[in-house]
Amino acid sequence: MKKLFIITVALIAALFQSVQLKAADEKPLAVVSLAGIDSLMSDVDYLGQVLSNPQLNSQSIEGLLKAFSGGKGLDVFDRKKPWGVVVYAAADGGLDFKSYLFVPLKNEADLIKGVENYTDAPKDVGNGVKSIAIRNNPKEFFYKVQDGNMFVADTAEYLRNVPADPAALLGTMNKDYDLAARVHVQNLPEKLRTDMIEGLKKGVSEGLHQSPDEDDAAFAVRKGLMETQIKQLEMMLDELDDFTVGLNIDSAAKATNLDFAMTVKPGGKMAGKIASYGSLTSIFSGFFNPNVGAAGNVTSKLDSEDIQQTVALLDSLSDVAKKEIDKDEKLRDNAQAKEIVSDFFAVLSKTIQTGKFDNAGTVAFGDKTISGSFAGYVHDGTAAESLFKKVVDVIKENVTEVKMDVATHEGVKFNQVQVPVKEPKAKAIFGDTLDVHVGFGPKAFYVTFGKDGLTMCKEAITASATAGEKKVDEMLIETSLT
């Protein structure tokens, strides 16, 4: 265990070696926030209970750290305040990135005493800065204690001007999340921004070659996709203000959240799109039930430009798929295969043209069982059902059994497909066959699997109808660890 502790200290030192502190006029490019020790230890206890792991608890962790630090442990730090790393872009717009690490220190003498078996004694190098090194490691790093914080860098020069309150740079991230990172996109140096775009374009240009077995139409689709992605990246770099990723484990609410959030510059194309969305609503809120396992939704609106681009892409993909059928000796004379392709892209294209995108679902975990229930918006449920029947006619020889119109619930007709299960572990969960039910309503399709999938779906349809159109996030995924 002692060797493990020494290795851990060495790894932390290696991290410190890459840290540099800002000059006073440099702009923050990225910020990383870590919640206070007490908050993190509470989360450790919660995770230990949820995972039924008695060894995963705060007392064990703190006891281990005290054992290898002369009894000091984590009490040398302010247990309530956050830790952070701030990365700065160079003031001259160059690529000389610098950063600083700060930790809320309660007692410097106790910290040095706790690590004295693993480090050389600190040396005063002036201006309140001290150097220290892991024993038997020639590389020094430097630290400065000011206003209750210890700042760490690999060059003493960068510790001359440090902020009085570095935690202010974290905003509310340390209160909202246990671990979070925010990138201030507009502080990205213009040279780096340009180099990223030009490098990507050059890479695409050099690597985008038509393969011998790829016809002109397929190559044009692939090329168009890459060009669209580059344009989207250019727009994001130009109009994104900041982007945040945050992880929070809430032991009181018994919930774990991973959030993605962004803000955009006002007056831009992205801001206009977001404003045109208004409040997003879903007609499938009853399908979102994370209490039984995992649940999620993806809901969005498409503007006229998005619709036009997507429909054009789908038309091209449809043509490419039909040409691929012509190349296949087994399918080239199969009129039904081409008809399925045409119908599939027609249903998808007409749904996209409505400008609505609404999907939700739940996966439930029982005693050695897994069941799922999903719902999605479609422009014409009758057309989607007709497509399904054609697909079933093609695959019926590869499934155990197909039963049409096996159940009806609130105007939704369900069909059953029994799929053979061959993998032993899957058989232990689903049995020899996996029951899949596919249902269609006037403007929706439904897919279930597993023993309880159909029951879940019926209950969700009723709950959705009762709730009506309900305000939702654009994308949300939740799980219940228990």
Protein backbone atom coordinates (compact mmCIF):
# COMPACT_ATOMS: atom_id res chain seq x y z
CA MET A 1 0.00 0.00 0.00
CA LYS A 2 2.90 2.33 0.73
CA LYS A 3 4.22 1.83 -2.81
CA LEU A 4 0.78 2.63 -4.18
CA PHE A 5 0.68 5.87 -2.20
CA ILE A 6 4.12 6.92 -3.47
CA ILE A 7 3.04 6.23 -7.05
CA THR A 8 -0.12 8.30 -6.50
CA VAL A 9 1.91 11.23 -5.18
CA ALA A 10 4.25 10.92 -8.17
CA LEU A 11 1.32 11.00 -10.59
CA ILE A 12 -0.04 14.13 -8.92
CA ALA A 13 3.39 15.68 -9.22
CA ALA A 14 3.46 14.80 -12.91
CA LEU A 15 0.20 16.67 -13.31
CA PHE A 16 1.62 19.65 -11.48
CA GLN A 17 4.60 19.66 -13.81
CA SER A 18 2.32 20.52 -16.72
CA VAL A 19 0.60 23.37 -14.88
CA GLN A 20 1.55 27.02 -15.51
CA LEU A 21 -0.02 30.18 -14.16
CA LYS A 22 -1.40 33.08 -16.15
CA ALA A 23 -0.14 36.54 -16.78
CA ALA A 24 -2.57 39.18 -15.55
CA ASP A 25 -4.01 40.10 -18.97
CA GLU A 26 -4.67 36.60 -20.33
CA LYS A 27 -8.21 35.33 -20.91
CA PRO A 28 -9.56 32.11 -19.38
CA LEU A 29 -10.10 29.51 -22.08
CA ALA A 30 -11.24 26.56 -19.98
CA VAL A 31 -12.13 25.95 -16.34
CA VAL A 32 -12.33 22.64 -14.47
CA SER A 33 -14.14 22.49 -11.13
CA LEU A 34 -14.06 19.84 -8.40
CA ALA A 35 -16.50 20.14 -5.49
CA GLY A 36 -15.34 20.34 -1.87
CA ILE A 37 -14.04 17.29 -0.04
CA ASP A 38 -17.12 16.86 2.18
CA SER A 39 -19.41 16.81 -0.85
CA LEU A 40 -17.25 14.24 -2.62
CA MET A 41 -16.99 12.01 0.44
CA SER A 42 -20.78 12.04 0.79
CA ASP A 43 -21.04 10.87 -2.82
CA VAL A 44 -18.55 8.07 -2.16
CA ASP A 45 -20.69 6.79 0.72
CA TYR A 46 -23.80 6.91 -1.48
CA LEU A 47 -22.13 5.02 -4.33
CA GLY A 48 -20.87 2.39 -1.89
CA GLN A 49 -24.42 1.77 -0.71
CA VAL A 50 -25.91 1.70 -4.22
CA LEU A 51 -23.23 -0.69 -5.50
CA SER A 52 -23.45 -2.85 -2.35
CA ASN A 53 -19.71 -2.41 -1.85
CA PRO A 54 -18.95 -1.98 1.89
CA GLN A 55 -15.30 -1.22 1.12
CA LEU A 56 -16.28 1.86 -0.89
CA ASN A 57 -16.79 4.47 1.82
CA SER A 58 -15.33 7.76 2.96
CA GLN A 59 -13.94 6.39 6.24
CA SER A 60 -11.81 3.82 4.41
CA ILE A 61 -10.44 6.42 2.00
CA GLU A 62 -9.68 8.97 4.68
CA GLY A 63 -8.19 6.32 6.96
CA LEU A 64 -5.86 5.15 4.19
CA LEU A 65 -4.71 8.70 3.45
CA LYS A 66 -4.08 9.41 7.13
CA ALA A 67 -2.08 6.21 7.47
CA PHE A 68 0.39 7.37 4.82
CA SER A 69 0.51 11.06 5.77
CA GLY A 70 1.36 10.95 9.43
CA GLY A 71 -2.28 11.26 10.46
CA LYS A 72 -2.84 14.48 8.49
CA GLY A 73 -5.00 13.16 5.64
CA LEU A 74 -7.48 15.49 3.96
CA ASP A 75 -7.92 17.70 7.01
CA VAL A 76 -5.04 19.90 5.82
CA PHE A 77 -7.47 21.26 3.20
CA ASP A 78 -10.60 23.35 3.64
CA ARG A 79 -13.20 20.62 3.22
CA LYS A 80 -15.99 22.97 2.11
CA LYS A 81 -14.25 24.87 -0.70
CA PRO A 82 -13.75 23.70 -4.30
CA TRP A 83 -10.60 22.80 -6.20
CA GLY A 84 -10.00 24.05 -9.70
CA VAL A 85 -7.86 24.28 -12.80
CA VAL A 86 -8.00 27.29 -15.11
CA VAL A 87 -6.46 27.29 -18.59
CA TYR A 88 -5.56 30.58 -20.25
CA ALA A 89 -5.06 31.55 -23.85
CA ALA A 90 -2.04 33.74 -24.55
CA ALA A 91 -2.74 37.46 -24.52
CA ASP A 92 -1.02 37.91 -27.91
CA GLY A 93 -3.33 35.37 -29.57
CA GLY A 94 -0.56 32.81 -29.86
CA LEU A 95 -0.58 29.16 -28.91
CA ASP A 96 1.30 29.48 -25.59
CA PHE A 97 -1.39 28.05 -23.32
CA LYS A 98 -0.92 28.40 -19.58
CA SER A 99 -2.91 27.27 -16.59
CA TYR A 100 -2.95 27.08 -12.85
CA LEU A 101 -4.13 24.54 -10.32
CA PHE A 102 -5.49 25.77 -7.01
CA VAL A 103 -6.48 23.89 -3.86
CA PRO A 104 -8.10 25.37 -0.72
CA LEU A 105 -5.40 24.90 1.91
CA LYS A 106 -6.11 25.12 5.63
CA ASN A 107 -2.61 24.54 6.99
CA GLU A 108 0.55 24.61 4.88
CA ALA A 109 2.77 23.26 7.67
CA ASP A 110 0.54 20.24 8.18
CA LEU A 111 0.52 19.50 4.43
CA ILE A 112 4.30 19.61 4.21
CA LYS A 113 4.58 17.47 7.35
CA GLY A 114 2.16 14.93 5.85
CA VAL A 115 4.23 14.42 2.68
CA GLU A 116 7.72 14.76 4.18
CA ASN A 117 8.43 11.05 3.70
CA TYR A 118 7.92 11.39 -0.05
CA THR A 119 9.24 14.88 -0.90
CA ASP A 120 12.31 16.97 -0.32
CA ALA A 121 11.97 19.96 1.97
CA PRO A 122 10.52 23.09 0.29
CA LYS A 123 12.94 25.88 -0.72
CA ASP A 124 12.05 29.57 -0.67
CA VAL A 125 12.71 31.10 -4.11
CA GLY A 126 11.33 34.58 -3.38
CA ASN A 127 8.06 36.49 -3.82
CA GLY A 128 6.25 33.99 -1.58
CA VAL A 129 7.02 31.13 -3.98
CA LYS A 130 8.53 27.84 -2.86
CA SER A 131 9.93 24.91 -4.81
CA ILE A 132 9.39 21.28 -3.90
CA ALA A 133 10.16 17.93 -5.52
CA ILE A 134 9.19 14.31 -5.15
CA ARG A 135 12.15 12.52 -3.59
CA ASN A 136 14.53 11.02 -6.15
CA ASN A 137 12.84 13.03 -8.91
CA PRO A 138 15.02 15.77 -10.47
CA LYS A 139 12.03 17.83 -11.66
CA GLU A 140 10.87 20.61 -9.33
CA PHE A 141 7.45 22.19 -9.17
CA PHE A 142 6.52 25.41 -7.43
CA TYR A 143 3.74 26.54 -5.14
CA LYS A 144 2.49 29.70 -3.54
CA VAL A 145 0.05 30.01 -0.66
CA GLN A 146 -2.16 33.09 -0.73
CA ASP A 147 -5.56 33.97 0.76
CA GLY A 148 -6.28 30.38 1.80
CA ASN A 149 -5.36 28.79 -1.53
CA MET A 150 -2.28 26.95 -2.72
CA PHE A 151 -1.39 27.60 -6.36
CA VAL A 152 0.85 25.15 -8.18
CA ALA A 153 2.96 25.57 -11.34
CA ASP A 154 6.11 24.19 -12.92
CA THR A 155 7.69 27.65 -13.28
CA ALA A 156 8.11 30.13 -10.43
CA GLU A 157 7.59 33.09 -12.75
CA TYR A 158 3.94 32.22 -13.29
CA LEU A 159 3.20 32.46 -9.58
CA ARG A 160 3.92 36.19 -9.30
CA ASN A 161 0.36 37.34 -10.00
CA VAL A 162 -2.37 35.01 -8.75
CA PRO A 163 -6.02 35.93 -8.15
CA ALA A 164 -7.27 36.59 -4.64
CA ASP A 165 -10.37 34.48 -5.25
CA PRO A 166 -9.76 31.85 -7.97
CA ALA A 167 -13.00 30.06 -7.07
CA ALA A 168 -14.90 33.02 -8.58
CA LEU A 169 -13.69 31.83 -12.00
CA LEU A 170 -15.67 28.62 -11.50
CA GLY A 171 -18.98 30.50 -11.48
CA THR A 172 -21.61 28.19 -9.99
CA MET A 173 -20.09 24.99 -11.37
CA ASN A 174 -18.79 23.82 -7.99
CA LYS A 175 -22.28 24.25 -6.51
CA ASP A 176 -24.09 22.60 -9.41
CA TYR A 177 -21.71 19.71 -10.05
CA ASP A 178 -19.20 17.44 -8.37
CA LEU A 179 -16.99 17.58 -11.45
CA ALA A 180 -17.42 20.00 -14.33
CA ALA A 181 -15.52 21.59 -17.19
CA ARG A 182 -16.39 24.71 -19.15
CA VAL A 183 -14.76 25.90 -22.37
CA HIS A 184 -15.02 29.59 -23.28
CA VAL A 185 -15.01 29.10 -27.04
CA GLN A 186 -14.75 32.79 -27.91
CA ASN A 187 -11.44 33.03 -26.04
CA LEU A 188 -9.93 30.43 -28.36
CA PRO A 189 -7.00 32.11 -30.19
CA GLU A 190 -7.90 33.02 -33.76
CA LYS A 191 -4.79 31.31 -35.07
CA LEU A 192 -5.76 28.04 -33.40
CA ARG A 193 -9.34 28.42 -34.62
CA THR A 194 -8.13 28.94 -38.20
CA ASP A 195 -5.57 26.14 -38.00
CA MET A 196 -8.23 23.71 -36.76
CA ILE A 197 -10.57 24.47 -39.67
CA GLU A 198 -7.83 24.51 -42.30
CA GLY A 199 -6.30 21.31 -40.94
CA LEU A 200 -9.66 19.58 -41.04
CA LYS A 201 -10.33 20.76 -44.58
CA LYS A 202 -6.90 19.63 -45.70
CA GLY A 203 -7.35 16.23 -44.06
CA VAL A 204 -10.73 15.77 -45.73
CA SER A 205 -9.37 16.88 -49.09
CA GLU A 206 -6.41 14.50 -48.90
CA GLY A 207 -8.39 11.56 -47.57
CA LEU A 208 -11.59 11.93 -49.57
CA HIS A 209 -10.95 9.83 -52.65
CA GLN A 210 -13.47 7.88 -54.64
CA SER A 211 -12.88 4.16 -54.15
CA PRO A 212 -12.87 1.83 -57.18
CA ASP A 213 -16.18 0.19 -56.23
CA GLU A 214 -17.88 3.50 -55.33
CA ASP A 215 -20.07 5.11 -57.99
CA ASP A 216 -20.35 8.86 -58.51
CA ALA A 217 -23.63 9.18 -56.59
CA ALA A 218 -22.34 7.42 -53.48
CA PHE A 219 -19.12 9.45 -53.54
CA ALA A 220 -21.10 12.69 -53.89
CA VAL A 221 -23.19 11.80 -50.83
CA ARG A 222 -20.12 11.02 -48.74
CA LYS A 223 -18.37 14.19 -49.87
CA GLY A 224 -21.47 16.26 -49.14
CA LEU A 225 -21.70 14.85 -45.61
CA MET A 226 -18.10 15.80 -44.84
CA GLU A 227 -18.53 19.31 -46.24
CA THR A 228 -21.68 19.81 -44.16
CA GLN A 229 -19.89 18.69 -41.00
CA ILE A 230 -17.04 21.14 -41.65
CA LYS A 231 -19.51 24.00 -42.14
CA GLN A 232 -21.24 23.10 -38.89
CA LEU A 233 -17.93 23.07 -37.04
CA GLU A 234 -17.04 26.48 -38.47
CA MET A 235 -20.38 27.87 -37.33
CA MET A 236 -19.95 26.41 -33.84
CA LEU A 237 -16.47 27.87 -33.43
CA ASP A 238 -17.76 31.23 -34.59
CA GLU A 239 -21.01 31.40 -32.61
CA LEU A 240 -20.64 29.24 -29.48
CA ASP A 241 -19.96 31.34 -26.39
CA ASP A 242 -19.23 28.54 -23.95
CA PHE A 243 -19.78 24.81 -23.56
CA THR A 244 -20.17 23.03 -20.21
CA VAL A 245 -20.08 19.36 -19.21
CA GLY A 246 -21.00 18.57 -15.61
CA LEU A 247 -21.37 15.43 -13.49
CA ASN A 248 -23.35 15.54 -10.26
CA ILE A 249 -24.11 12.73 -7.82
CA ASP A 250 -26.97 13.84 -5.57
CA SER A 251 -27.08 11.42 -2.63
CA ALA A 252 -30.08 13.20 -1.07
CA ALA A 253 -32.20 12.92 -4.22
CA LYS A 254 -30.62 9.55 -5.10
CA ALA A 255 -29.87 10.77 -8.61
CA THR A 256 -26.83 11.04 -10.87
CA ASN A 257 -26.83 13.65 -13.62
CA LEU A 258 -24.49 14.21 -16.55
CA ASP A 259 -25.34 17.55 -18.13
CA PHE A 260 -24.28 19.15 -21.41
CA ALA A 261 -25.05 22.83 -21.82
CA MET A 262 -24.03 25.61 -24.18
CA THR A 263 -24.62 29.30 -24.68
CA VAL A 264 -24.34 31.10 -28.01
CA LYS A 265 -23.57 34.63 -29.08
CA PRO A 266 -26.71 36.76 -29.55
CA GLY A 267 -27.70 37.71 -33.08
CA GLY A 268 -26.10 34.71 -34.77
CA LYS A 269 -27.54 31.88 -36.80
CA MET A 270 -27.47 29.45 -33.88
CA ALA A 271 -29.19 31.96 -31.60
CA GLY A 272 -31.90 32.44 -34.22
CA LYS A 273 -32.48 28.70 -34.45
CA ILE A 274 -32.73 28.30 -30.69
CA ALA A 275 -35.17 31.21 -30.45
CA SER A 276 -37.34 29.70 -33.19
CA TYR A 277 -37.67 26.46 -31.22
CA GLY A 278 -39.55 28.01 -28.34
CA SER A 279 -40.49 25.47 -25.68
CA LEU A 280 -40.01 21.86 -26.70
CA THR A 281 -42.89 19.52 -25.94
CA SER A 282 -43.35 15.77 -26.27
CA ILE A 283 -46.44 13.61 -26.71
CA PHE A 284 -44.55 10.65 -25.25
CA SER A 285 -43.82 11.82 -21.69
CA GLY A 286 -45.34 8.60 -20.28
CA PHE A 287 -42.48 6.63 -21.84
CA PHE A 288 -39.92 8.41 -19.66
CA ASN A 289 -39.66 6.33 -16.47
CA PRO A 290 -36.11 6.15 -15.09
CA ASN A 291 -37.26 4.64 -11.78
CA VAL A 292 -37.25 1.13 -13.26
CA GLY A 293 -33.86 1.29 -14.98
CA ALA A 294 -32.95 3.75 -17.70
CA ALA A 295 -35.01 6.25 -19.66
CA GLY A 296 -34.41 8.97 -22.18
CA ASN A 297 -35.89 11.28 -24.76
CA VAL A 298 -34.66 13.15 -27.83
CA THR A 299 -36.96 15.98 -28.87
CA SER A 300 -36.23 18.76 -31.32
CA LYS A 301 -37.56 21.11 -33.96
CA LEU A 302 -36.10 21.56 -37.42
CA ASP A 303 -36.03 24.89 -39.23
CA SER A 304 -36.54 25.23 -42.98
CA GLU A 305 -32.82 25.05 -43.76
CA ASP A 306 -32.36 21.90 -41.66
CA ILE A 307 -35.37 20.31 -43.35
CA GLN A 308 -34.14 21.17 -46.84
CA GLN A 309 -30.64 19.83 -46.23
CA THR A 310 -31.84 16.65 -44.54
CA VAL A 311 -34.43 15.84 -47.19
CA ALA A 312 -31.86 16.35 -49.96
CA LEU A 313 -29.47 14.02 -48.14
CA LEU A 314 -32.18 11.37 -47.70
CA ASP A 315 -33.02 11.54 -51.42
CA SER A 316 -29.37 10.95 -52.26
CA LEU A 317 -29.08 8.08 -49.79
CA SER A 318 -32.20 6.48 -51.26
CA ASP A 319 -30.68 6.55 -54.75
CA VAL A 320 -27.42 5.10 -53.45
CA ALA A 321 -29.26 2.29 -51.60
CA LYS A 322 -31.18 1.32 -54.75
CA LYS A 323 -27.97 1.19 -56.77
CA GLU A 324 -26.41 -1.03 -54.12
CA ILE A 325 -29.38 -3.39 -54.51
CA ASP A 326 -28.70 -3.52 -58.26
CA LYS A 327 -25.14 -4.63 -57.52
CA ASP A 328 -26.30 -7.52 -55.32
CA GLU A 329 -26.99 -10.68 -57.34
CA LYS A 330 -29.52 -11.93 -54.77
CA LEU A 331 -31.48 -8.66 -54.59
CA ARG A 332 -31.23 -7.03 -58.02
CA ASP A 333 -34.37 -8.80 -59.27
CA ASN A 334 -36.22 -8.38 -55.98
CA ALA A 335 -38.74 -5.62 -56.65
CA GLN A 336 -39.93 -5.76 -53.03
CA ALA A 337 -36.46 -4.86 -51.73
CA LYS A 338 -36.41 -1.67 -53.80
CA GLU A 339 -39.97 -0.92 -52.76
CA ILE A 340 -39.02 -1.21 -49.08
CA VAL A 341 -36.11 1.19 -49.61
CA SER A 342 -38.38 3.69 -51.39
CA ASP A 343 -41.07 3.45 -48.71
CA PHE A 344 -38.58 3.75 -45.85
CA PHE A 345 -37.00 6.93 -47.16
CA ALA A 346 -40.40 8.33 -48.11
CA VAL A 347 -41.76 7.85 -44.58
CA LEU A 348 -38.58 9.30 -43.05
CA SER A 349 -38.45 12.24 -45.45
CA LYS A 350 -42.08 13.22 -44.94
CA THR A 351 -41.64 13.00 -41.18
CA ILE A 352 -38.60 15.28 -41.37
CA GLN A 353 -40.62 17.76 -43.45
CA THR A 354 -43.02 18.25 -40.53
CA GLY A 355 -40.12 19.80 -38.61
CA LYS A 356 -40.81 17.62 -35.56
CA PHE A 357 -38.51 15.10 -33.92
CA ASP A 358 -39.94 13.38 -30.85
CA ASN A 359 -38.78 10.06 -29.34
CA ALA A 360 -38.74 8.56 -25.85
CA GLY A 361 -38.29 5.21 -24.17
CA THR A 362 -37.57 3.18 -21.05
CA VAL A 363 -35.55 0.05 -20.35
CA ALA A 364 -36.60 -1.84 -17.21
CA PHE A 365 -34.44 -4.29 -15.25
CA GLY A 366 -36.19 -7.02 -13.31
CA ASP A 367 -35.06 -10.23 -11.62
CA LYS A 368 -32.98 -11.73 -14.46
CA THR A 369 -35.16 -9.94 -17.04
CA ILE A 370 -34.78 -6.92 -19.27
CA SER A 371 -37.71 -5.25 -21.02
CA GLY A 372 -37.98 -2.11 -23.12
CA SER A 373 -40.65 0.18 -24.50
CA PHE A 374 -40.06 2.96 -27.06
CA ALA A 375 -42.17 5.47 -28.96
CA GLY A 376 -41.51 7.81 -31.85
CA TYR A 377 -43.36 10.42 -33.89
CA VAL A 378 -44.08 9.66 -37.55
CA HIS A 379 -46.00 11.76 -40.08
CA ASP A 380 -48.28 8.88 -41.12
CA GLY A 381 -48.72 5.82 -38.95
CA THR A 382 -50.61 3.97 -41.69
CA ALA A 383 -47.69 4.37 -44.12
CA ALA A 384 -45.26 3.23 -41.45
CA GLU A 385 -47.40 0.15 -40.73
CA SER A 386 -47.53 -0.71 -44.44
CA LEU A 387 -43.73 -0.52 -44.56
CA PHE A 388 -43.46 -2.79 -41.51
CA LYS A 389 -45.65 -5.45 -43.11
CA LYS A 390 -43.45 -5.47 -46.20
CA VAL A 391 -40.34 -5.89 -44.07
CA VAL A 392 -41.95 -8.74 -42.14
CA ASP A 393 -42.78 -10.49 -45.41
CA VAL A 394 -39.08 -10.44 -46.31
CA ILE A 395 -37.69 -11.54 -42.92
CA LYS A 396 -40.38 -14.04 -41.89
CA GLU A 397 -38.19 -17.02 -42.77
CA ASN A 398 -35.53 -15.81 -40.33
CA VAL A 399 -37.77 -15.40 -37.28
CA THR A 400 -39.58 -17.97 -35.15
CA GLU A 401 -43.10 -16.60 -35.58
CA VAL A 402 -45.02 -13.52 -36.72
CA LYS A 403 -48.48 -12.65 -35.42
CA MET A 404 -50.36 -9.64 -36.76
CA ASP A 405 -52.89 -7.61 -34.76
CA VAL A 406 -52.25 -9.44 -31.48
CA ALA A 407 -53.36 -6.53 -29.31
CA THR A 408 -54.99 -3.13 -29.47
CA HIS A 409 -54.69 -0.33 -26.92
CA GLU A 410 -56.21 3.13 -27.27
CA GLY A 411 -56.23 2.96 -31.06
CA VAL A 412 -52.74 1.46 -31.37
CA LYS A 413 -52.56 -1.93 -33.12
CA PHE A 414 -49.69 -4.22 -32.08
CA ASN A 415 -47.99 -6.99 -34.04
CA GLN A 416 -45.70 -9.62 -32.54
CA VAL A 417 -42.41 -10.94 -33.91
CA GLN A 418 -40.62 -13.73 -32.06
CA VAL A 419 -36.87 -13.61 -32.72
CA PRO A 420 -34.74 -16.70 -31.98
CA VAL A 421 -32.13 -16.20 -29.24
CA LYS A 422 -28.89 -18.15 -29.70
CA GLU A 423 -26.36 -16.60 -27.31
CA PRO A 424 -26.42 -18.47 -23.92
CA LYS A 425 -26.28 -15.37 -21.72
CA ALA A 426 -29.08 -13.75 -23.67
CA LYS A 427 -31.15 -16.92 -23.33
CA ALA A 428 -30.86 -16.68 -19.55
CA ILE A 429 -32.62 -13.31 -19.78
CA PHE A 430 -35.01 -13.63 -22.69
CA GLY A 431 -35.47 -17.39 -23.12
CA ASP A 432 -35.27 -19.23 -26.44
CA THR A 433 -37.14 -16.43 -28.23
CA LEU A 434 -37.28 -12.69 -27.76
CA ASP A 435 -40.75 -11.20 -27.99
CA VAL A 436 -40.81 -7.97 -30.00
CA HIS A 437 -44.05 -6.01 -30.43
CA VAL A 438 -44.41 -3.26 -33.02
CA GLY A 439 -47.43 -0.99 -32.91
CA PHE A 440 -48.74 1.95 -34.91
CA GLY A 441 -51.03 4.85 -34.13
CA PRO A 442 -52.15 7.72 -36.39
CA LYS A 443 -48.95 9.72 -35.80
CA ALA A 444 -46.69 7.32 -33.90
CA PHE A 445 -44.89 4.01 -33.91
CA TYR A 446 -44.09 1.86 -30.88
CA VAL A 447 -41.50 -0.89 -30.32
CA THR A 448 -41.24 -3.14 -27.27
CA PHE A 449 -39.08 -6.10 -26.31
CA GLY A 450 -38.88 -8.53 -23.43
CA LYS A 451 -41.38 -10.19 -21.13
CA ASP A 452 -42.94 -6.98 -19.79
CA GLY A 453 -42.38 -4.73 -22.82
CA LEU A 454 -45.95 -4.74 -24.12
CA THR A 455 -47.45 -4.06 -20.69
CA MET A 456 -45.00 -1.20 -20.16
CA CYS A 457 -45.91 0.26 -23.54
CA LYS A 458 -49.65 0.16 -22.86
CA GLU A 459 -49.20 1.87 -19.51
CA ALA A 460 -46.95 4.51 -21.11
CA ILE A 461 -49.48 5.19 -23.89
CA THR A 462 -52.18 5.81 -21.29
CA ALA A 463 -49.89 8.01 -19.18
CA SER A 464 -48.85 10.02 -22.25
CA ALA A 465 -52.46 10.57 -23.28
CA THR A 466 -53.32 11.76 -19.76
CA ALA A 467 -50.38 14.18 -19.63
CA GLY A 468 -50.91 15.55 -23.16
CA GLU A 469 -48.08 17.56 -24.72
CA LYS A 470 -45.56 18.10 -21.96
CA LYS A 471 -42.54 20.41 -21.84
CA VAL A 472 -39.28 18.46 -22.05
CA ASP A 473 -35.54 18.95 -22.45
CA GLU A 474 -34.04 18.55 -25.90
CA MET A 475 -32.20 15.46 -24.75
CA LEU A 476 -32.25 13.80 -21.35
CA ILE A 477 -31.06 10.36 -20.23
CA GLU A 478 -31.57 9.16 -16.65
CA THR A 479 -30.75 5.89 -14.92
CA SER A 480 -31.67 4.35 -11.59
CA LEU A 481 -28.59 2.62 -10.16
CA THR A 482 -30.68 0.61 -7.72
